[in-house]
PDB file of N, CA and C in Angstrom:
ATOM      1  N   MET A   1       1.230  -1.401  -0.074  1.00  0.00           N
ATOM      2  CA  MET A   1       0.092   0.313   0.026  1.00  0.00           C
ATOM      3  C   MET A   1       0.641   1.030  -0.227  1.00  0.00           C
ATOM      4  N   GLY A   2       0.868   2.257  -0.964  1.00  0.00           N
ATOM      5  CA  GLY A   2       0.744   3.190  -0.751  1.00  0.00           C
ATOM      6  C   GLY A   2       0.078   4.599  -0.492  1.00  0.00           C
ATOM      7  N   GLY A   3       0.782   5.763  -1.144  1.00  0.00           N
ATOM      8  CA  GLY A   3      -0.764   7.033  -1.610  1.00  0.00           C
ATOM      9  C   GLY A   3       0.217   8.003  -1.916  1.00  0.00           C
ATOM     10  N   THR A   4      -0.335   9.178  -1.554  1.00  0.00           N
ATOM     11  CA  THR A   4       0.560  10.668  -1.688  1.00  0.00           C
ATOM     12  C   THR A   4       0.061  11.639  -1.120  1.00  0.00           C
ATOM     13  N   VAL A   5       0.894  12.386  -1.294  1.00  0.00           N
ATOM     14  CA  VAL A   5       2.020  13.065   0.106  1.00  0.00           C
ATOM     15  C   VAL A   5       0.581  14.838  -0.671  1.00  0.00           C
ATOM     16  N   ILE A   6      -0.253  15.046   0.520  1.00  0.00           N
ATOM     17  CA  ILE A   6      -1.404  15.604   0.890  1.00  0.00           C
ATOM     18  C   ILE A   6      -0.501  17.161   0.559  1.00  0.00           C
ATOM     19  N   THR A   7       0.584  16.982   1.779  1.00  0.00           N
ATOM     20  CA  THR A   7       1.132  18.972   1.963  1.00  0.00           C
ATOM     21  C   THR A   7       2.354  17.875   2.594  1.00  0.00           C
ATOM     22  N   SER A   8       4.024  18.927   2.680  1.00  0.00           N
ATOM     23  CA  SER A   8       4.542  18.928   3.615  1.00  0.00           C
ATOM     24  C   SER A   8       5.419  20.215   3.869  1.00  0.00           C
ATOM     25  N   GLY A   9       5.835  20.020   5.057  1.00  0.00           N
ATOM     26  CA  GLY A   9       6.644  20.990   5.544  1.00  0.00           C
ATOM     27  C   GLY A   9       6.007  22.154   7.003  1.00  0.00           C
ATOM     28  N   ILE A  10       6.493  23.113   6.801  1.00  0.00           N
ATOM     29  CA  ILE A  10       5.998  23.709   8.119  1.00  0.00           C
ATOM     30  C   ILE A  10       4.753  24.676   7.678  1.00  0.00           C
ATOM     31  N   PRO A  11       3.734  24.542   8.858  1.00  0.00           N
ATOM     32  CA  PRO A  11       2.253  25.169   8.396  1.00  0.00           C
ATOM     33  C   PRO A  11       3.059  26.743   8.868  1.00  0.00           C
ATOM     34  N   LYS A  12       2.406  27.526   8.547  1.00  0.00           N
ATOM     35  CA  LYS A  12       2.209  28.767   8.484  1.00  0.00           C
ATOM     36  C   LYS A  12       1.766  29.133   9.896  1.00  0.00           C
ATOM     37  N   TRP A  13       0.590  28.660  10.718  1.00  0.00           N
ATOM     38  CA  TRP A  13      -0.100  28.660  11.999  1.00  0.00           C
ATOM     39  C   TRP A  13       0.704  27.730  12.917  1.00  0.00           C
ATOM     40  N   SER A  14       1.703  27.575  12.270  1.00  0.00           N
ATOM     41  CA  SER A  14       2.410  26.469  13.059  1.00  0.00           C
ATOM     42  C   SER A  14       3.352  27.628  14.505  1.00  0.00           C
ATOM     43  N   LYS A  15       2.930  26.862  16.154  1.00  0.00           N
ATOM     44  CA  LYS A  15       4.337  27.696  16.820  1.00  0.00           C
ATOM     45  C   LYS A  15       5.134  27.312  17.241  1.00  0.00           C
ATOM     46  N   SER A  16       4.951  25.957  17.321  1.00  0.00           N
ATOM     47  CA  SER A  16       6.441  24.980  17.442  1.00  0.00           C
ATOM     48  C   SER A  16       7.141  24.922  16.114  1.00  0.00           C
ATOM     49  N   GLN A  17       7.303  25.641  14.586  1.00  0.00           N
ATOM     50  CA  GLN A  17       7.886  25.001  13.317  1.00  0.00           C
ATOM     51  C   GLN A  17       8.080  23.628  13.670  1.00  0.00           C
ATOM     52  N   SER A  18       7.085  22.742  13.565  1.00  0.00           N
ATOM     53  CA  SER A  18       7.034  21.547  13.417  1.00  0.00           C
ATOM     54  C   SER A  18       6.791  21.039  12.165  1.00  0.00           C
ATOM     55  N   PRO A  19       8.186  20.442  11.617  1.00  0.00           N
ATOM     56  CA  PRO A  19       7.655  19.903  10.252  1.00  0.00           C
ATOM     57  C   PRO A  19       7.114  18.460  10.006  1.00  0.00           C
ATOM     58  N   TYR A  20       6.202  18.553   9.214  1.00  0.00           N
ATOM     59  CA  TYR A  20       5.006  17.367   9.067  1.00  0.00           C
ATOM     60  C   TYR A  20       4.850  16.429   7.346  1.00  0.00           C
ATOM     61  N   VAL A  21       4.670  15.839   7.250  1.00  0.00           N
ATOM     62  CA  VAL A  21       4.010  15.534   6.317  1.00  0.00           C
ATOM     63  C   VAL A  21       2.497  14.484   6.317  1.00  0.00           C
ATOM     64  N   ILE A  22       1.500  15.314   5.557  1.00  0.00           N
ATOM     65  CA  ILE A  22       0.414  14.280   5.514  1.00  0.00           C
ATOM     66  C   ILE A  22       0.001  13.221   4.218  1.00  0.00           C
ATOM     67  N   ILE A  23      -0.326  11.903   4.800  1.00  0.00           N
ATOM     68  CA  ILE A  23      -0.009  11.461   3.168  1.00  0.00           C
ATOM     69  C   ILE A  23      -1.810  10.977   3.265  1.00  0.00           C
ATOM     70  N   LYS A  24      -2.002  11.346   2.280  1.00  0.00           N
ATOM     71  CA  LYS A  24      -3.274  10.152   1.474  1.00  0.00           C
ATOM     72  C   LYS A  24      -3.404   8.900   1.305  1.00  0.00           C
ATOM     73  N   GLY A  25      -3.486   7.854   1.859  1.00  0.00           N
ATOM     74  CA  GLY A  25      -3.439   6.282   1.597  1.00  0.00           C
ATOM     75  C   GLY A  25      -3.829   6.170   0.752  1.00  0.00           C
ATOM     76  N   ASP A  26      -3.602   5.097   0.274  1.00  0.00           N
ATOM     77  CA  ASP A  26      -4.742   4.103  -1.491  1.00  0.00           C
ATOM     78  C   ASP A  26      -5.999   3.494  -0.098  1.00  0.00           C
ATOM     79  N   ASP A  27      -5.756   3.578   0.816  1.00  0.00           N
ATOM     80  CA  ASP A  27      -7.134   2.859   1.600  1.00  0.00           C
ATOM     81  C   ASP A  27      -8.237   4.384   2.091  1.00  0.00           C
ATOM     82  N   LYS A  28      -8.002   5.510   1.528  1.00  0.00           N
ATOM     83  CA  LYS A  28      -8.314   6.491   1.801  1.00  0.00           C
ATOM     84  C   LYS A  28      -8.160   6.994   3.474  1.00  0.00           C
ATOM     85  N   LYS A  29      -7.491   6.858   3.786  1.00  0.00           N
ATOM     86  CA  LYS A  29      -7.234   7.099   5.196  1.00  0.00           C
ATOM     87  C   LYS A  29      -6.019   8.346   4.977  1.00  0.00           C
ATOM     88  N   GLU A  30      -6.091   9.067   6.113  1.00  0.00           N
ATOM     89  CA  GLU A  30      -5.253  10.002   6.139  1.00  0.00           C
ATOM     90  C   GLU A  30      -4.165   9.962   7.369  1.00  0.00           C
ATOM     91  N   TYR A  31      -3.288   9.956   7.147  1.00  0.00           N
ATOM     92  CA  TYR A  31      -1.548   9.645   7.959  1.00  0.00           C
ATOM     93  C   TYR A  31      -1.323  10.811   8.092  1.00  0.00           C
ATOM     94  N   ARG A  32      -0.157  11.418   8.873  1.00  0.00           N
ATOM     95  CA  ARG A  32       0.044  12.328   9.515  1.00  0.00           C
ATOM     96  C   ARG A  32       0.911  11.975  10.203  1.00  0.00           C
ATOM     97  N   TYR A  33       2.462  12.883   9.950  1.00  0.00           N
ATOM     98  CA  TYR A  33       3.764  12.568  10.519  1.00  0.00           C
ATOM     99  C   TYR A  33       4.062  13.921  11.278  1.00  0.00           C
ATOM    100  N   VAL A  34       4.230  14.417  12.218  1.00  0.00           N
ATOM    101  CA  VAL A  34       4.659  15.708  12.886  1.00  0.00           C
ATOM    102  C   VAL A  34       5.608  15.232  13.764  1.00  0.00           C
ATOM    103  N   HIS A  35       6.797  16.498  13.783  1.00  0.00           N
ATOM    104  CA  HIS A  35       8.233  16.559  14.346  1.00  0.00           C
ATOM    105  C   HIS A  35       8.698  15.690  13.446  1.00  0.00           C
ATOM    106  N   LEU A  36       9.281  15.947  12.367  1.00  0.00           N
ATOM    107  CA  LEU A  36      10.152  15.186  11.544  1.00  0.00           C
ATOM    108  C   LEU A  36      11.317  15.931  10.853  1.00  0.00           C
ATOM    109  N   ASN A  37      12.051  14.892  10.500  1.00  0.00           N
ATOM    110  CA  ASN A  37      13.122  15.493   9.537  1.00  0.00           C
ATOM    111  C   ASN A  37      13.025  15.329   8.057  1.00  0.00           C
ATOM    112  N   ILE A  38      12.261  15.934   7.220  1.00  0.00           N
ATOM    113  CA  ILE A  38      11.369  15.241   6.057  1.00  0.00           C
ATOM    114  C   ILE A  38      12.444  15.372   5.231  1.00  0.00           C
ATOM    115  N   SER A  39      12.297  13.998   4.328  1.00  0.00           N
ATOM    116  CA  SER A  39      13.626  13.414   3.466  1.00  0.00           C
ATOM    117  C   SER A  39      13.452  14.495   2.209  1.00  0.00           C
ATOM    118  N   PRO A  40      14.509  14.284   1.476  1.00  0.00           N
ATOM    119  CA  PRO A  40      14.374  14.989  -0.111  1.00  0.00           C
ATOM    120  C   PRO A  40      14.045  14.086  -0.726  1.00  0.00           C
ATOM    121  N   GLY A  41      13.148  15.039  -1.701  1.00  0.00           N
ATOM    122  CA  GLY A  41      12.272  14.741  -2.181  1.00  0.00           C
ATOM    123  C   GLY A  41      10.744  14.699  -2.142  1.00  0.00           C
ATOM    124  N   ILE A  42      10.662  14.801  -0.389  1.00  0.00           N
ATOM    125  CA  ILE A  42       9.008  14.670  -0.532  1.00  0.00           C
ATOM    126  C   ILE A  42       8.506  15.716  -0.893  1.00  0.00           C
ATOM    127  N   PHE A  43       7.370  15.730  -1.246  1.00  0.00           N
ATOM    128  CA  PHE A  43       6.937  17.208  -2.006  1.00  0.00           C
ATOM    129  C   PHE A  43       5.318  16.887  -2.250  1.00  0.00           C
ATOM    130  N   GLU A  44       4.365  18.161  -2.046  1.00  0.00           N
ATOM    131  CA  GLU A  44       2.904  17.894  -2.247  1.00  0.00           C
ATOM    132  C   GLU A  44       2.708  17.527  -3.568  1.00  0.00           C
ATOM    133  N   GLY A  45       1.545  16.411  -3.874  1.00  0.00           N
ATOM    134  CA  GLY A  45       1.539  15.417  -4.978  1.00  0.00           C
ATOM    135  C   GLY A  45       2.622  14.293  -5.102  1.00  0.00           C
ATOM    136  N   ARG A  46       3.263  14.261  -4.857  1.00  0.00           N
ATOM    137  CA  ARG A  46       4.134  12.326  -4.505  1.00  0.00           C
ATOM    138  C   ARG A  46       3.243  11.342  -4.135  1.00  0.00           C
ATOM    139  N   ARG A  47       3.791  10.559  -4.676  1.00  0.00           N
ATOM    140  CA  ARG A  47       3.447   9.520  -4.904  1.00  0.00           C
ATOM    141  C   ARG A  47       4.829   8.325  -3.767  1.00  0.00           C
ATOM    142  N   VAL A  48       4.473   7.935  -2.604  1.00  0.00           N
ATOM    143  CA  VAL A  48       4.819   7.095  -1.959  1.00  0.00           C
ATOM    144  C   VAL A  48       4.456   5.700  -1.490  1.00  0.00           C
ATOM    145  N   ASN A  49       5.484   4.824  -1.466  1.00  0.00           N
ATOM    146  CA  ASN A  49       5.172   3.676  -1.502  1.00  0.00           C
ATOM    147  C   ASN A  49       5.533   2.823  -0.137  1.00  0.00           C
ATOM    148  N   GLN A  50       4.983   2.079   0.268  1.00  0.00           N
ATOM    149  CA  GLN A  50       5.520   1.471   1.648  1.00  0.00           C
ATOM    150  C   GLN A  50       6.772   1.130   1.509  1.00  0.00           C
ATOM    151  N   GLY A  51       6.897   1.231   2.883  1.00  0.00           N
ATOM    152  CA  GLY A  51       8.417   1.126   3.369  1.00  0.00           C
ATOM    153  C   GLY A  51       9.329   2.163   2.432  1.00  0.00           C
ATOM    154  N   GLU A  52       9.105   3.259   2.121  1.00  0.00           N
ATOM    155  CA  GLU A  52       9.584   4.250   1.739  1.00  0.00           C
ATOM    156  C   GLU A  52      10.089   5.448   2.736  1.00  0.00           C
ATOM    157  N   LEU A  53      11.076   5.796   3.036  1.00  0.00           N
ATOM    158  CA  LEU A  53      11.602   6.978   4.087  1.00  0.00           C
ATOM    159  C   LEU A  53      11.039   7.767   3.640  1.00  0.00           C
ATOM    160  N   ILE A  54       9.872   8.589   4.725  1.00  0.00           N
ATOM    161  CA  ILE A  54      10.124   9.631   4.201  1.00  0.00           C
ATOM    162  C   ILE A  54      10.261  11.265   4.907  1.00  0.00           C
ATOM    163  N   GLY A  55      10.981  11.213   6.291  1.00  0.00           N
ATOM    164  CA  GLY A  55      11.882  11.301   7.229  1.00  0.00           C
ATOM    165  C   GLY A  55      12.502  10.593   7.882  1.00  0.00           C
ATOM    166  N   SER A  56      12.382  11.789   8.849  1.00  0.00           N
ATOM    167  CA  SER A  56      13.115  10.924  10.701  1.00  0.00           C
ATOM    168  C   SER A  56      13.413  12.052  11.897  1.00  0.00           C
ATOM    169  N   MET A  57      13.389  11.384  12.404  1.00  0.00           N
ATOM    170  CA  MET A  57      13.229  12.084  13.796  1.00  0.00           C
ATOM    171  C   MET A  57      14.293  13.448  13.945  1.00  0.00           C
ATOM    172  N   SER A  58      13.524  13.697  14.404  1.00  0.00           N
ATOM    173  CA  SER A  58      13.791  15.733  14.430  1.00  0.00           C
ATOM    174  C   SER A  58      14.169  16.275  15.808  1.00  0.00           C
ATOM    175  N   ASP A  59      15.123  16.715  16.158  1.00  0.00           N
ATOM    176  CA  ASP A  59      15.990  17.350  17.163  1.00  0.00           C
ATOM    177  C   ASP A  59      14.815  18.864  17.142  1.00  0.00           C
ATOM    178  N   ASN A  60      14.357  18.577  16.839  1.00  0.00           N
ATOM    179  CA  ASN A  60      13.411  20.247  16.851  1.00  0.00           C
ATOM    180  C   ASN A  60      12.806  20.874  18.505  1.00  0.00           C
ATOM    181  N   GLY A  61      12.852  20.160  19.432  1.00  0.00           N
ATOM    182  CA  GLY A  61      13.334  19.997  20.781  1.00  0.00           C
ATOM    183  C   GLY A  61      12.072  18.946  21.534  1.00  0.00           C
ATOM    184  N   ALA A  62      11.170  18.292  20.292  1.00  0.00           N
ATOM    185  CA  ALA A  62      10.026  17.617  20.825  1.00  0.00           C
ATOM    186  C   ALA A  62      10.636  16.681  21.560  1.00  0.00           C
ATOM    187  N   GLU A  63      11.806  16.516  22.201  1.00  0.00           N
ATOM    188  CA  GLU A  63      11.850  15.450  23.073  1.00  0.00           C
ATOM    189  C   GLU A  63      12.033  14.069  22.679  1.00  0.00           C
ATOM    190  N   GLY A  64      12.129  13.936  21.094  1.00  0.00           N
ATOM    191  CA  GLY A  64      12.645  12.907  20.556  1.00  0.00           C
ATOM    192  C   GLY A  64      11.789  12.470  19.866  1.00  0.00           C
ATOM    193  N   GLN A  65      10.986  12.770  19.695  1.00  0.00           N
ATOM    194  CA  GLN A  65       9.515  11.980  18.981  1.00  0.00           C
ATOM    195  C   GLN A  65       8.933  12.111  18.234  1.00  0.00           C
ATOM    196  N   VAL A  66       8.223  11.253  17.457  1.00  0.00           N
ATOM    197  CA  VAL A  66       7.426  11.360  16.261  1.00  0.00           C
ATOM    198  C   VAL A  66       5.896  10.892  16.236  1.00  0.00           C
ATOM    199  N   HIS A  67       5.339  12.399  16.338  1.00  0.00           N
ATOM    200  CA  HIS A  67       3.470  12.284  16.692  1.00  0.00           C
ATOM    201  C   HIS A  67       3.360  11.918  15.030  1.00  0.00           C
ATOM    202  N   PHE A  68       2.518  10.618  15.577  1.00  0.00           N
ATOM    203  CA  PHE A  68       1.399  10.016  14.013  1.00  0.00           C
ATOM    204  C   PHE A  68       0.217   9.885  13.883  1.00  0.00           C
ATOM    205  N   CYS A  69      -0.726  10.395  13.578  1.00  0.00           N
ATOM    206  CA  CYS A  69      -1.721  10.118  12.876  1.00  0.00           C
ATOM    207  C   CYS A  69      -2.629   9.534  12.400  1.00  0.00           C
ATOM    208  N   ILE A  70      -3.267   8.740  12.782  1.00  0.00           N
ATOM    209  CA  ILE A  70      -4.160   7.926  11.167  1.00  0.00           C
ATOM    210  C   ILE A  70      -5.935   8.854  11.509  1.00  0.00           C
ATOM    211  N   LEU A  71      -6.487   8.922  10.880  1.00  0.00           N
ATOM    212  CA  LEU A  71      -8.013   9.825  10.853  1.00  0.00           C
ATOM    213  C   LEU A  71      -8.705   9.136   9.236  1.00  0.00           C
ATOM    214  N   LYS A  72      -9.365   9.025   9.765  1.00  0.00           N
ATOM    215  CA  LYS A  72     -10.460   8.329   9.214  1.00  0.00           C
ATOM    216  C   LYS A  72     -12.397   8.915   9.642  1.00  0.00           C
ATOM    217  N   TYR A  73     -12.739   9.075   8.713  1.00  0.00           N
ATOM    218  CA  TYR A  73     -14.451   9.558   8.724  1.00  0.00           C
ATOM    219  C   TYR A  73     -14.515  10.362  10.285  1.00  0.00           C
ATOM    220  N   GLU A  74     -13.614  11.192  10.618  1.00  0.00           N
ATOM    221  CA  GLU A  74     -13.501  11.970  11.610  1.00  0.00           C
ATOM    222  C   GLU A  74     -12.733  11.223  12.790  1.00  0.00           C
ATOM    223  N   MET A  75     -12.374   9.920  12.844  1.00  0.00           N
ATOM    224  CA  MET A  75     -12.105   9.233  13.936  1.00  0.00           C
ATOM    225  C   MET A  75     -10.481   9.461  14.113  1.00  0.00           C
ATOM    226  N   ARG A  76      -9.422   9.742  15.348  1.00  0.00           N
ATOM    227  CA  ARG A  76      -8.407   9.780  15.518  1.00  0.00           C
ATOM    228  C   ARG A  76      -7.535   9.000  16.170  1.00  0.00           C
ATOM    229  N   VAL A  77      -6.466   8.354  15.362  1.00  0.00           N
ATOM    230  CA  VAL A  77      -5.847   7.161  16.577  1.00  0.00           C
ATOM    231  C   VAL A  77      -4.644   7.872  16.612  1.00  0.00           C
ATOM    232  N   CYS A  78      -3.634   8.023  17.556  1.00  0.00           N
ATOM    233  CA  CYS A  78      -2.124   9.214  17.589  1.00  0.00           C
ATOM    234  C   CYS A  78      -1.544   8.103  18.420  1.00  0.00           C
ATOM    235  N   LEU A  79      -0.107   8.420  17.930  1.00  0.00           N
ATOM    236  CA  LEU A  79       1.110   7.731  18.934  1.00  0.00           C
ATOM    237  C   LEU A  79       2.067   8.465  18.545  1.00  0.00           C
ATOM    238  N   PHE A  80       2.741   8.680  20.032  1.00  0.00           N
ATOM    239  CA  PHE A  80       3.937   9.538  20.527  1.00  0.00           C
ATOM    240  C   PHE A  80       5.373   8.241  20.180  1.00  0.00           C
ATOM    241  N   LEU A  81       6.021   8.682  19.208  1.00  0.00           N
ATOM    242  CA  LEU A  81       7.004   7.238  19.071  1.00  0.00           C
ATOM    243  C   LEU A  81       8.187   7.977  19.029  1.00  0.00           C
ATOM    244  N   ARG A  82       9.028   7.117  20.209  1.00  0.00           N
ATOM    245  CA  ARG A  82      10.004   7.492  21.028  1.00  0.00           C
ATOM    246  C   ARG A  82      11.434   6.794  20.819  1.00  0.00           C
TER     247      ARG A  82
END
């Protein structure tokens, strides 16, 4: 399974200036990854495949964690990975 990058970068509204990537999966779920160093070549509209590196853990002051969320039908499941 893979998906398409909806957006990536640092949102203008972010107070923490945390880089993020949002991917719309082939399963129609939205996958959000926050607090990471985005890999080169990951940009809006790009197709990504399962197992492809989209980023690595950031040192942006988030205490060494990646915030990962899956969204479908307004339900949210979030994990903080350390």
